[in-house]
Amino acid sequence: MKPILGLTVNNFWDLWFWRQALIRTLQGAGFEVLAVGPPGPYEEAVARLGCWVDTYPLDRRGLNPVGELRSLTGLYAIYRRWRPVIAHHFTIKPNLYGTLAARLAGVPVVIATVTGLGYIWTDDGPKARVLRAILEPIYRRVLRLADAVIYLNEEDRRTLGGRRTVLIPGEGIDLEAFSPSAVPPERQAALRSELGLGPDARVVLMVGRMLRHKGVLEFVEAARRVRAACPGAVFVLVGPSDEGNPARIPSEKLQAWESEGAVRYLGMRGDVRDLMAVADVVVLPSYREGIPRVLIEAAAMGRPLVATDVPGCREVVRNGVNGLLVPARDAVALAEAIESLLKNPKLRAEFGAASRRLAEERFSDQRVVDCILDLYRALLAEKGVQRTEGGGWMSDDG
């Protein structure tokens, strides 16, 4: 029987959109993949990838002790039932509860991936500061129970640490699916027509959840400033409202901005790659990231970038090489950077070409998956779980 490897997330969407390459590689390496997440719309889609699927209760935003205990005990029951040789967790709550549950259940290898630190570490409000003071030492202590902690940027690694830490270059993407030639000209023309973009319109695109700490307020203020100098500029916001997040931008405010003419808000879209193909500049004014996938995708599409000089963003944007970095929370600097690129097509082309080169050098999904698979193999060997001649894995006790 093939050994089982568990991938535990806070939303099956995470596995469907970001980790298909990892799942395929693990299946090819002799593992049965167990996908673990709270019930949700992408559960069946992940099952169609050939994964076993199990669910546990999770309130992504809640802090009710009873609910949090249910998450922990639910994960413990799953690990006792399936007996994976590896339990690999992604994002804060799975890292916390999954690591504890896996240790209690006797899983041989336990791994956490810190994909980012969330609004508690980026919000300056009094509630966030109190939560950060409470949660950071707990998070650090729990991560020390993991056999390895994977980080996407050095600042997060310094903040939380771990017994054994590994730095990888982001989540990885398919460089063929995301490339400057991936979207045919006729599709680009149809999309521009759908959006009502004239031939001279210059598109500035921001993709992300509609949250304060993603820099949405600064993006809108920058749009007002740039449009005064460049009337042909069209600022496009794409992403969900993220109901329940304390930092969310209310839908009424989004509608007001659109009515004002400052931005076009498209909501959640399934054609983000195509939108990137018609964008002249891709922007992310976030306050902090793990490594933002949207910037990696935009780089692979050969787009010039503007982002904030914060952890995560600076791993993708090299100032003056493939884009411009500006201070966080500074709408004036953001507007100046965007305007300078809109007025300089030669610089946009140079930055776009450099973005593609950077994506090819660092962000291939296979390169990232190979790093993770090498870590799995090393940890399994250290724990006495060895590969068999048939391609599977077996512990020393059989």
Protein backbone atom coordinates (compact mmCIF):
# COMPACT_ATOMS: atom_id res chain seq x y z
CA MET A 1 0.00 0.00 0.00
CA LYS A 2 1.26 3.45 -0.86
CA PRO A 3 2.02 5.74 2.07
CA ILE A 4 -0.36 8.61 2.70
CA LEU A 5 0.79 12.24 2.73
CA GLY A 6 -1.60 14.82 4.13
CA LEU A 7 -1.90 18.38 2.80
CA THR A 8 -3.96 20.45 5.25
CA VAL A 9 -5.35 23.87 4.31
CA ASN A 10 -7.94 26.37 5.48
CA ASN A 11 -9.79 26.21 2.15
CA PHE A 12 -9.78 23.55 -0.61
CA TRP A 13 -9.49 26.44 -3.07
CA ASP A 14 -5.84 26.65 -1.93
CA LEU A 15 -5.08 23.15 -3.20
CA TRP A 16 -7.07 23.51 -6.42
CA PHE A 17 -5.55 26.80 -7.54
CA TRP A 18 -2.06 26.71 -6.06
CA ARG A 19 -0.90 23.15 -5.39
CA GLN A 20 -1.89 20.98 -8.32
CA ALA A 21 1.73 20.65 -9.42
CA LEU A 22 2.68 19.50 -5.91
CA ILE A 23 -0.17 16.96 -5.85
CA ARG A 24 0.77 15.53 -9.27
CA THR A 25 4.43 15.26 -8.31
CA LEU A 26 3.64 13.52 -5.03
CA GLN A 27 1.38 11.02 -6.77
CA GLY A 28 4.15 10.31 -9.26
CA ALA A 29 6.62 9.85 -6.40
CA GLY A 30 4.60 7.04 -4.85
CA PHE A 31 2.34 8.80 -2.35
CA GLU A 32 -1.39 8.74 -1.84
CA VAL A 33 -2.35 12.37 -1.24
CA LEU A 34 -4.87 13.11 1.50
CA ALA A 35 -6.40 16.59 1.08
CA VAL A 36 -7.68 18.00 4.38
CA GLY A 37 -9.75 21.17 4.70
CA PRO A 38 -13.06 22.56 5.94
CA PRO A 39 -16.13 21.69 3.82
CA GLY A 40 -16.30 23.96 0.80
CA PRO A 41 -17.09 24.29 -2.90
CA TYR A 42 -13.72 23.03 -4.16
CA GLU A 43 -13.82 19.79 -2.19
CA GLU A 44 -15.08 17.74 -5.16
CA ALA A 45 -12.66 19.44 -7.57
CA VAL A 46 -9.72 18.40 -5.40
CA ALA A 47 -11.09 14.84 -5.20
CA ARG A 48 -11.07 14.74 -9.01
CA LEU A 49 -7.31 15.27 -8.89
CA GLY A 50 -7.07 11.77 -7.46
CA CYS A 51 -6.79 12.81 -3.80
CA TRP A 52 -8.44 11.27 -0.80
CA VAL A 53 -10.44 14.03 0.89
CA ASP A 54 -11.42 14.53 4.52
CA THR A 55 -12.86 17.57 6.29
CA TYR A 56 -12.64 19.23 9.67
CA PRO A 57 -14.57 22.16 11.23
CA LEU A 58 -12.87 25.55 10.89
CA ASP A 59 -13.91 29.15 11.39
CA ARG A 60 -11.17 31.03 9.54
CA ARG A 61 -11.81 34.31 11.38
CA GLY A 62 -13.25 33.12 14.70
CA LEU A 63 -11.47 33.03 18.04
CA ASN A 64 -14.11 31.19 20.07
CA PRO A 65 -12.23 28.65 22.22
CA VAL A 66 -14.89 25.98 21.69
CA GLY A 67 -14.70 26.35 17.92
CA GLU A 68 -10.91 26.32 17.94
CA LEU A 69 -10.88 23.15 20.06
CA ARG A 70 -13.23 21.52 17.54
CA SER A 71 -10.71 22.28 14.79
CA LEU A 72 -7.89 20.73 16.80
CA THR A 73 -9.83 17.58 17.72
CA GLY A 74 -11.15 17.25 14.17
CA LEU A 75 -7.64 17.23 12.77
CA TYR A 76 -6.46 14.81 15.46
CA ALA A 77 -9.24 12.39 14.50
CA ILE A 78 -8.30 12.64 10.81
CA TYR A 79 -4.64 11.90 11.47
CA ARG A 80 -5.50 8.95 13.72
CA ARG A 81 -7.85 7.60 11.05
CA TRP A 82 -5.60 7.97 8.00
CA ARG A 83 -2.14 7.55 9.59
CA PRO A 84 -0.19 9.72 7.13
CA VAL A 85 3.60 9.50 7.07
CA ILE A 86 3.74 13.27 6.52
CA ALA A 87 1.34 16.01 7.57
CA HIS A 88 2.05 19.26 5.74
CA HIS A 89 0.09 22.35 6.80
CA PHE A 90 -0.46 25.72 5.11
CA THR A 91 -1.58 29.06 6.66
CA ILE A 92 -1.93 30.08 10.29
CA LYS A 93 -4.75 27.98 11.78
CA PRO A 94 -3.79 24.72 10.03
CA ASN A 95 -0.20 25.36 11.11
CA LEU A 96 -1.27 25.83 14.72
CA TYR A 97 -3.90 23.13 15.14
CA GLY A 98 -2.56 20.73 12.53
CA THR A 99 0.94 20.72 13.99
CA LEU A 100 -0.40 20.02 17.49
CA ALA A 101 -2.84 17.38 16.24
CA ALA A 102 -0.23 15.62 14.11
CA ARG A 103 2.22 15.47 17.00
CA LEU A 104 -0.46 14.08 19.33
CA ALA A 105 -1.51 11.53 16.69
CA GLY A 106 2.04 10.29 16.17
CA VAL A 107 2.53 11.42 12.56
CA PRO A 108 6.22 10.75 11.76
CA VAL A 109 6.94 13.96 9.81
CA VAL A 110 5.20 17.28 10.50
CA ILE A 111 5.76 20.35 8.31
CA ALA A 112 4.30 23.87 8.40
CA THR A 113 4.35 26.42 5.59
CA VAL A 114 4.02 30.07 6.61
CA THR A 115 2.44 31.63 3.52
CA GLY A 116 2.13 35.03 5.22
CA LEU A 117 1.26 36.54 8.58
CA GLY A 118 -2.22 37.94 7.96
CA TYR A 119 -3.97 41.07 9.15
CA ILE A 120 -2.99 40.57 12.82
CA TRP A 121 0.61 41.35 11.85
CA THR A 122 -0.23 44.12 9.37
CA ASP A 123 -3.03 46.01 11.12
CA ASP A 124 -1.97 48.77 13.53
CA GLY A 125 -5.30 48.89 15.38
CA PRO A 126 -5.44 48.19 19.13
CA LYS A 127 -7.24 44.87 18.70
CA ALA A 128 -4.64 43.59 16.24
CA ARG A 129 -1.79 44.69 18.51
CA VAL A 130 -3.29 42.81 21.47
CA LEU A 131 -3.87 39.68 19.38
CA ARG A 132 -0.35 39.89 17.97
CA ALA A 133 1.15 40.13 21.46
CA ILE A 134 -0.80 37.01 22.48
CA LEU A 135 -0.51 34.92 19.33
CA GLU A 136 3.07 35.51 18.23
CA PRO A 137 4.73 33.68 21.14
CA ILE A 138 2.16 30.86 20.84
CA TYR A 139 2.77 30.56 17.10
CA ARG A 140 6.53 30.52 17.60
CA ARG A 141 6.27 27.80 20.24
CA VAL A 142 3.97 25.59 18.16
CA LEU A 143 6.15 25.93 15.06
CA ARG A 144 9.05 24.56 17.07
CA LEU A 145 7.11 21.29 17.30
CA ALA A 146 7.25 20.89 13.52
CA ASP A 147 10.11 18.97 11.93
CA ALA A 148 10.49 21.81 9.42
CA VAL A 149 8.93 25.19 8.75
CA ILE A 150 8.86 26.48 5.18
CA TYR A 151 8.96 30.25 4.70
CA LEU A 152 8.46 32.36 1.60
CA ASN A 153 10.50 35.35 2.78
CA GLU A 154 13.32 36.03 5.19
CA GLU A 155 11.45 38.55 7.35
CA ASP A 156 8.75 36.03 8.28
CA ARG A 157 11.45 33.48 9.09
CA ARG A 158 13.17 35.94 11.43
CA THR A 159 9.83 36.77 13.06
CA LEU A 160 8.71 33.21 13.85
CA GLY A 161 11.69 30.89 13.43
CA GLY A 162 11.54 27.14 14.08
CA ARG A 163 13.86 24.24 14.81
CA ARG A 164 14.54 23.73 11.11
CA THR A 165 13.57 26.37 8.60
CA VAL A 166 13.60 26.32 4.82
CA LEU A 167 13.24 29.30 2.49
CA ILE A 168 11.61 28.63 -0.90
CA PRO A 169 10.90 31.08 -3.74
CA GLY A 170 7.15 31.41 -3.43
CA GLU A 171 4.41 28.95 -4.34
CA GLY A 172 5.59 28.42 -7.91
CA ILE A 173 3.55 28.78 -11.11
CA ASP A 174 3.22 27.14 -14.52
CA LEU A 175 5.46 29.27 -16.74
CA GLU A 176 3.75 28.05 -19.91
CA ALA A 177 0.25 28.86 -18.71
CA PHE A 178 1.52 32.26 -17.55
CA SER A 179 3.62 33.72 -20.35
CA PRO A 180 3.55 36.85 -22.53
CA SER A 181 2.18 34.77 -25.44
CA ALA A 182 -0.35 32.73 -23.43
CA VAL A 183 -3.37 34.95 -24.23
CA PRO A 184 -4.12 35.28 -27.97
CA PRO A 185 -4.52 38.80 -29.42
CA GLU A 186 -8.16 38.13 -30.30
CA ARG A 187 -8.94 37.25 -26.68
CA GLN A 188 -7.20 40.42 -25.51
CA ALA A 189 -9.21 42.48 -28.00
CA ALA A 190 -12.46 40.85 -26.85
CA LEU A 191 -11.62 41.54 -23.22
CA ARG A 192 -10.80 45.18 -23.92
CA SER A 193 -14.12 45.49 -25.72
CA GLU A 194 -15.97 43.85 -22.82
CA LEU A 195 -14.39 46.34 -20.41
CA GLY A 196 -15.08 49.29 -22.69
CA LEU A 197 -11.40 50.10 -23.13
CA GLY A 198 -10.51 52.32 -26.05
CA PRO A 199 -7.34 51.78 -28.09
CA ASP A 200 -5.47 54.46 -26.14
CA ALA A 201 -6.58 53.35 -22.66
CA ARG A 202 -3.74 52.40 -20.31
CA VAL A 203 -4.74 49.76 -17.76
CA VAL A 204 -3.42 49.71 -14.20
CA LEU A 205 -4.44 46.44 -12.55
CA MET A 206 -4.59 45.42 -8.90
CA VAL A 207 -5.64 41.87 -7.97
CA GLY A 208 -6.27 40.79 -4.39
CA ARG A 209 -8.77 40.53 -1.61
CA MET A 210 -10.49 43.82 -0.90
CA LEU A 211 -8.77 44.45 2.44
CA ARG A 212 -7.22 47.55 3.96
CA HIS A 213 -3.86 45.88 4.49
CA LYS A 214 -3.69 44.94 0.81
CA GLY A 215 -3.37 48.66 0.10
CA VAL A 216 -6.75 49.13 -1.58
CA LEU A 217 -7.26 52.59 -0.07
CA GLU A 218 -3.87 53.74 -1.36
CA PHE A 219 -4.59 52.26 -4.80
CA VAL A 220 -7.82 54.25 -5.08
CA GLU A 221 -6.18 57.49 -3.91
CA ALA A 222 -3.33 56.92 -6.37
CA ALA A 223 -5.92 56.37 -9.11
CA ARG A 224 -7.47 59.76 -8.40
CA ARG A 225 -4.08 61.47 -8.59
CA VAL A 226 -2.85 59.68 -11.72
CA ARG A 227 -6.10 60.12 -13.63
CA ALA A 228 -5.83 63.87 -13.12
CA ALA A 229 -2.53 63.80 -15.02
CA CYS A 230 -3.29 60.85 -17.34
CA PRO A 231 -7.04 60.90 -18.15
CA GLY A 232 -6.66 57.81 -20.36
CA ALA A 233 -5.58 55.64 -17.44
CA VAL A 234 -8.07 53.02 -16.26
CA PHE A 235 -7.58 51.60 -12.78
CA VAL A 236 -9.03 48.11 -12.38
CA LEU A 237 -9.61 46.31 -9.07
CA VAL A 238 -10.17 42.56 -9.08
CA GLY A 239 -10.82 40.29 -6.11
CA PRO A 240 -13.35 39.16 -3.53
CA SER A 241 -14.66 41.29 -0.69
CA ASP A 242 -13.68 38.57 1.85
CA GLU A 243 -16.74 38.73 4.08
CA GLY A 244 -15.96 38.32 7.77
CA ASN A 245 -12.42 39.70 7.60
CA PRO A 246 -12.08 42.63 10.04
CA ALA A 247 -10.00 44.52 7.47
CA ARG A 248 -12.45 44.15 4.57
CA ILE A 249 -13.51 47.09 2.42
CA PRO A 250 -17.34 47.35 2.55
CA SER A 251 -19.08 46.67 -0.74
CA GLU A 252 -20.83 50.06 -0.49
CA LYS A 253 -17.45 51.80 -0.54
CA LEU A 254 -16.34 49.80 -3.56
CA GLN A 255 -19.53 50.80 -5.35
CA ALA A 256 -19.03 54.44 -4.38
CA TRP A 257 -15.52 54.45 -5.84
CA GLU A 258 -16.84 53.00 -9.07
CA SER A 259 -19.65 55.55 -9.24
CA GLU A 260 -17.07 58.28 -8.70
CA GLY A 261 -15.09 56.96 -11.67
CA ALA A 262 -11.88 56.46 -9.69
CA VAL A 263 -11.65 52.70 -10.35
CA ARG A 264 -13.42 49.85 -12.10
CA TYR A 265 -14.24 47.11 -9.60
CA LEU A 266 -14.77 43.75 -11.31
CA GLY A 267 -15.20 41.56 -8.24
CA MET A 268 -14.01 37.98 -8.32
CA ARG A 269 -12.89 36.88 -11.79
CA GLY A 270 -11.79 33.57 -13.25
CA ASP A 271 -9.74 35.20 -16.02
CA VAL A 272 -7.08 37.04 -14.02
CA ARG A 273 -4.34 35.85 -16.36
CA ASP A 274 -6.19 37.35 -19.35
CA LEU A 275 -6.67 40.62 -17.48
CA MET A 276 -2.93 40.71 -16.82
CA ALA A 277 -2.33 40.36 -20.55
CA VAL A 278 -4.21 43.62 -21.22
CA ALA A 279 -2.67 45.45 -18.25
CA ASP A 280 0.07 48.00 -18.84
CA VAL A 281 1.13 47.98 -15.18
CA VAL A 282 0.31 45.55 -12.35
CA VAL A 283 0.24 47.02 -8.85
CA LEU A 284 0.20 45.59 -5.33
CA PRO A 285 0.43 48.20 -2.53
CA SER A 286 0.20 45.60 0.27
CA TYR A 287 1.46 46.22 3.81
CA ARG A 288 3.05 42.75 4.08
CA GLU A 289 3.01 39.45 2.16
CA GLY A 290 4.44 35.95 2.21
CA ILE A 291 5.30 36.09 -1.46
CA PRO A 292 2.35 37.46 -3.45
CA ARG A 293 1.34 35.03 -6.15
CA VAL A 294 -0.28 37.82 -8.14
CA LEU A 295 3.09 39.53 -8.58
CA ILE A 296 4.73 36.25 -9.59
CA GLU A 297 2.01 35.63 -12.17
CA ALA A 298 2.29 39.18 -13.48
CA ALA A 299 6.07 38.83 -13.72
CA ALA A 300 5.67 35.60 -15.70
CA MET A 301 3.25 37.45 -18.01
CA GLY A 302 6.00 40.00 -18.67
CA ARG A 303 4.33 42.91 -16.90
CA PRO A 304 6.10 45.87 -15.29
CA LEU A 305 5.32 45.97 -11.57
CA VAL A 306 4.74 48.55 -8.86
CA ALA A 307 4.63 47.33 -5.27
CA THR A 308 5.41 48.36 -1.74
CA ASP A 309 8.86 47.90 -0.25
CA VAL A 310 7.70 45.30 2.29
CA PRO A 311 8.39 41.62 3.04
CA GLY A 312 7.18 39.43 0.21
CA CYS A 313 6.78 42.13 -2.42
CA ARG A 314 10.48 42.90 -2.53
CA GLU A 315 11.18 39.22 -3.28
CA VAL A 316 9.45 39.66 -6.65
CA VAL A 317 9.97 43.32 -7.51
CA ARG A 318 13.56 44.46 -7.94
CA ASN A 319 13.50 48.21 -7.81
CA GLY A 320 14.61 49.75 -11.08
CA VAL A 321 14.98 46.34 -12.75
CA ASN A 322 11.51 44.90 -13.30
CA GLY A 323 9.46 47.46 -11.44
CA LEU A 324 9.33 50.13 -8.79
CA LEU A 325 9.10 49.80 -5.01
CA VAL A 326 7.43 52.50 -2.93
CA PRO A 327 6.84 52.94 0.82
CA ALA A 328 3.78 51.22 2.23
CA ARG A 329 0.72 53.38 3.01
CA ASP A 330 2.03 56.17 0.77
CA ALA A 331 -0.52 56.95 -1.94
CA VAL A 332 1.49 59.90 -3.27
CA ALA A 333 4.62 57.80 -3.89
CA LEU A 334 2.45 55.06 -5.40
CA ALA A 335 0.83 57.53 -7.78
CA GLU A 336 4.20 58.95 -8.84
CA ALA A 337 5.58 55.48 -9.60
CA ILE A 338 2.53 54.46 -11.64
CA GLU A 339 2.49 57.75 -13.54
CA SER A 340 6.18 57.48 -14.39
CA LEU A 341 5.61 54.08 -15.98
CA LEU A 342 2.47 55.08 -17.85
CA LYS A 343 4.39 57.97 -19.42
CA ASN A 344 7.38 55.82 -20.41
CA PRO A 345 6.52 52.90 -22.75
CA LYS A 346 10.21 52.07 -23.26
CA LEU A 347 10.73 51.59 -19.52
CA ARG A 348 7.57 49.50 -19.30
CA ALA A 349 8.92 47.19 -21.99
CA GLU A 350 12.32 46.89 -20.27
CA PHE A 351 10.74 46.14 -16.91
CA GLY A 352 8.34 43.63 -18.47
CA ALA A 353 11.14 41.69 -20.13
CA ALA A 354 13.10 41.67 -16.87
CA SER A 355 10.00 40.40 -15.02
CA ARG A 356 9.76 37.40 -17.34
CA ARG A 357 13.46 36.59 -16.90
CA LEU A 358 13.09 36.74 -13.13
CA ALA A 359 10.07 34.41 -13.24
CA GLU A 360 12.00 31.90 -15.34
CA GLU A 361 14.98 32.02 -12.98
CA ARG A 362 13.10 31.73 -9.67
CA PHE A 363 9.42 30.91 -9.81
CA SER A 364 8.85 27.77 -11.86
CA ASP A 365 6.34 25.52 -10.10
CA GLN A 366 8.54 22.49 -10.76
CA ARG A 367 11.51 24.20 -9.15
CA VAL A 368 9.45 24.93 -6.02
CA VAL A 369 7.94 21.43 -5.93
CA ASP A 370 11.37 19.85 -6.27
CA CYS A 371 12.55 21.82 -3.21
CA ILE A 372 9.57 20.55 -1.21
CA LEU A 373 10.00 16.95 -2.37
CA ASP A 374 13.70 17.02 -1.44
CA LEU A 375 12.69 18.19 2.04
CA TYR A 376 10.13 15.36 2.36
CA ARG A 377 12.73 12.77 1.38
CA ALA A 378 15.32 14.11 3.79
CA LEU A 379 12.89 14.16 6.72
CA LEU A 380 11.51 10.71 5.93
CA ALA A 381 15.04 9.31 5.82
CA GLU A 382 15.84 10.93 9.17
CA LYS A 383 12.72 9.35 10.68
CA GLY A 384 13.54 5.93 9.25
CA VAL A 385 10.87 5.93 6.56
CA GLN A 386 12.59 4.60 3.45
CA ARG A 387 11.66 4.25 -0.22
CA THR A 388 10.95 0.73 -1.47
CA GLU A 389 12.03 -0.81 -4.78
CA GLY A 390 8.45 -0.47 -6.02
CA GLY A 391 8.60 3.32 -5.58
CA GLY A 392 6.59 3.54 -2.37
CA TRP A 393 7.71 4.29 1.19
CA MET A 394 8.03 2.06 4.25
CA SER A 395 9.06 2.70 7.85
CA ASP A 396 11.77 0.68 9.53
CA ASP A 397 9.13 -1.18 11.54
CA GLY A 398 7.36 -2.28 8.33
